[in-house]
């Protein structure tokens, strides 16, 4: 999985962002489960990329919520 760009995330609607976050978190849970069972993940950098993608999507949602509050 590649890193998602902020401009791509900002182009999505709130519902699409929530769906993308849940999909990424499911992938992250699966990868963490593999690592916890002692298996080597196929791509060690994938965990970091997944966490970063979730953080970026949550940041966009937070920015939108703050902008709506300040209006």
Foldseek 3Di string as FASTA:
>chain_A
DAADDLVVLLVDDPVVLVVVLVVLVVVLVVQVVCVVVPHDDPDPCSNVRSVNNNVSSVVSVVVVVVVVVVD
